[in-house]
Amino acid sequence: MKPSGSVVKPSSPEASARLARVRQKDTAAELRLRRTPHARGLRYRLHIPLLEKPRRVADIVFRRRKLAIFVDGCFWHGCPQHGTSSKSNADFWRDKIETNKRRDLDTNRRLTEAGWRVLRVWEHEDAEDAADRIMKALEFDA
């Protein structure tokens, strides 16, 4: 297992190019989720850096309420329900996903210590259900 914060390297220049093309923001899951709270009248900010060194950017932010929302892809973040293992270059992908999971935990911890609440939404979650969770989190301090 790699130490926290280490970078795993793709197996080839082709794999590296494929990884570089993967969307990091405005993914289909994120767009689907954003529509529902917006339709309910909620207004929020997008892709706001909340931590520096290392930089961490939340997908959806309610700044005044200090609520940070991350939309996590099932493959990339190791969803216990839908995460899959790659048969090709298995060690690389296992390390990559484990590194992502450690980074997510570190982000949650650091944001919580800074007074933020963190909500993580899996890409497979129903947008209405996720919006209900967001509404409930926002009512916490209303």
Protein backbone atom coordinates (compact mmCIF):
# COMPACT_ATOMS: atom_id res chain seq x y z
CA MET A 1 0.00 0.00 0.00
CA LYS A 2 1.26 3.46 -0.88
CA PRO A 3 1.68 6.12 1.81
CA SER A 4 -1.08 8.71 2.05
CA GLY A 5 -0.67 11.47 -0.49
CA SER A 6 1.56 9.46 -2.82
CA VAL A 7 0.82 9.49 -6.51
CA VAL A 8 0.35 6.26 -8.40
CA LYS A 9 1.58 6.16 -11.99
CA PRO A 10 -0.34 4.75 -14.96
CA SER A 11 1.23 1.77 -16.68
CA SER A 12 1.72 3.45 -20.06
CA PRO A 13 1.49 6.79 -21.87
CA GLU A 14 -1.81 5.60 -23.37
CA ALA A 15 -3.26 4.91 -19.91
CA SER A 16 -2.03 8.31 -18.77
CA ALA A 17 -3.75 9.99 -21.73
CA ARG A 18 -7.02 8.17 -20.94
CA LEU A 19 -6.86 9.30 -17.31
CA ALA A 20 -6.24 12.89 -18.41
CA ARG A 21 -9.48 12.85 -20.45
CA VAL A 22 -11.68 11.80 -17.54
CA ARG A 23 -13.98 14.62 -16.45
CA GLN A 24 -13.30 15.91 -12.95
CA LYS A 25 -16.14 18.41 -12.83
CA ASP A 26 -19.53 18.78 -14.48
CA THR A 27 -19.88 15.01 -14.73
CA ALA A 28 -23.26 13.55 -15.71
CA ALA A 29 -23.89 12.53 -12.09
CA GLU A 30 -23.01 15.99 -10.82
CA LEU A 31 -25.23 17.74 -13.39
CA ARG A 32 -28.12 15.40 -12.55
CA LEU A 33 -27.74 16.14 -8.84
CA ARG A 34 -27.42 19.91 -9.29
CA ARG A 35 -30.74 20.22 -11.14
CA THR A 36 -32.86 18.91 -8.28
CA PRO A 37 -31.86 21.27 -5.42
CA HIS A 38 -31.87 24.16 -7.90
CA ALA A 39 -35.44 23.29 -8.90
CA ARG A 40 -36.31 23.36 -5.17
CA GLY A 41 -35.09 26.94 -4.95
CA LEU A 42 -31.67 26.29 -3.42
CA ARG A 43 -28.77 28.36 -4.67
CA TYR A 44 -25.18 27.27 -4.30
CA ARG A 45 -21.66 27.74 -5.59
CA LEU A 46 -19.78 25.24 -7.76
CA HIS A 47 -16.24 23.89 -7.65
CA ILE A 48 -15.05 26.02 -4.76
CA PRO A 49 -11.59 25.36 -3.29
CA LEU A 50 -12.09 24.92 0.45
CA LEU A 51 -8.66 23.73 1.55
CA GLU A 52 -5.15 24.57 0.41
CA LYS A 53 -1.98 22.50 0.49
CA PRO A 54 -3.17 20.11 -0.71
CA ARG A 55 -5.96 21.84 -2.56
CA ARG A 56 -9.42 20.29 -2.16
CA VAL A 57 -12.39 21.47 -4.21
CA ALA A 58 -16.01 20.70 -3.35
CA ASP A 59 -18.45 20.07 -6.19
CA ILE A 60 -21.36 21.98 -4.60
CA VAL A 61 -20.96 24.47 -1.77
CA PHE A 62 -23.41 26.26 0.49
CA ARG A 63 -20.85 28.71 1.84
CA ARG A 64 -22.95 30.47 4.50
CA ARG A 65 -24.17 27.16 5.85
CA LYS A 66 -20.68 25.66 5.61
CA LEU A 67 -21.92 22.58 3.76
CA ALA A 68 -19.61 20.98 1.21
CA ILE A 69 -20.97 18.34 -1.17
CA PHE A 70 -18.85 15.92 -3.16
CA VAL A 71 -20.29 13.76 -5.94
CA ASP A 72 -18.21 10.58 -5.96
CA GLY A 73 -17.98 8.24 -8.93
CA CYS A 74 -18.56 4.60 -8.01
CA PHE A 75 -15.44 3.32 -9.78
CA TRP A 76 -13.07 6.13 -8.82
CA HIS A 77 -14.01 6.25 -5.14
CA GLY A 78 -14.56 2.54 -4.47
CA CYS A 79 -18.33 2.41 -3.99
CA PRO A 80 -19.13 -0.61 -1.80
CA GLN A 81 -22.22 -1.27 -3.94
CA HIS A 82 -20.97 -0.64 -7.48
CA GLY A 83 -17.19 -0.34 -7.31
CA THR A 84 -15.48 -2.80 -9.63
CA SER A 85 -11.98 -4.21 -9.87
CA SER A 86 -10.05 -3.85 -13.07
CA LYS A 87 -8.61 -7.07 -14.45
CA SER A 88 -6.02 -5.20 -16.48
CA ASN A 89 -3.23 -3.54 -14.45
CA ALA A 90 -5.04 -4.53 -11.26
CA ASP A 91 -2.32 -3.30 -8.87
CA PHE A 92 -2.33 0.18 -10.40
CA TRP A 93 -6.12 0.51 -10.15
CA ARG A 94 -6.32 -0.91 -6.63
CA ASP A 95 -3.65 1.59 -5.50
CA LYS A 96 -5.36 4.44 -7.38
CA ILE A 97 -8.76 3.79 -5.79
CA GLU A 98 -7.28 3.25 -2.31
CA THR A 99 -5.39 6.54 -2.66
CA ASN A 100 -8.65 8.27 -3.64
CA LYS A 101 -10.44 6.79 -0.63
CA ARG A 102 -7.68 7.93 1.75
CA ARG A 103 -7.80 11.42 0.21
CA ASP A 104 -11.60 11.51 0.68
CA LEU A 105 -11.26 10.60 4.36
CA ASP A 106 -8.53 13.22 4.82
CA THR A 107 -10.70 15.84 3.11
CA ASN A 108 -13.69 14.97 5.32
CA ARG A 109 -11.53 15.18 8.45
CA ARG A 110 -9.86 18.46 7.53
CA LEU A 111 -13.12 20.15 6.51
CA THR A 112 -14.87 18.96 9.66
CA GLU A 113 -12.01 20.32 11.77
CA ALA A 114 -12.42 23.64 9.94
CA GLY A 115 -16.11 23.77 10.91
CA TRP A 116 -17.63 22.46 7.67
CA ARG A 117 -20.17 19.70 7.26
CA VAL A 118 -19.42 17.27 4.44
CA LEU A 119 -21.97 15.36 2.42
CA ARG A 120 -20.85 12.72 -0.06
CA VAL A 121 -23.21 11.57 -2.78
CA TRP A 122 -22.52 8.48 -4.88
CA GLU A 123 -23.04 8.87 -8.60
CA HIS A 124 -25.65 6.07 -8.54
CA GLU A 125 -27.83 7.78 -5.92
CA ASP A 126 -31.24 9.02 -6.96
CA ALA A 127 -31.08 12.80 -7.39
CA GLU A 128 -34.33 13.36 -5.45
CA ASP A 129 -33.06 11.28 -2.52
CA ALA A 130 -29.74 13.13 -2.54
CA ALA A 131 -31.58 16.49 -2.67
CA ASP A 132 -33.62 15.37 0.35
CA ARG A 133 -30.34 14.69 2.21
CA ILE A 134 -29.06 18.14 1.22
CA MET A 135 -32.28 19.80 2.42
CA LYS A 136 -32.06 17.93 5.72
CA ALA A 137 -28.41 18.98 6.19
CA LEU A 138 -29.31 22.61 5.49
CA GLU A 139 -32.19 22.53 8.00
CA PHE A 140 -29.71 21.46 10.68
CA ASP A 141 -28.65 25.04 11.32
CA ALA A 142 -31.68 26.91 9.96
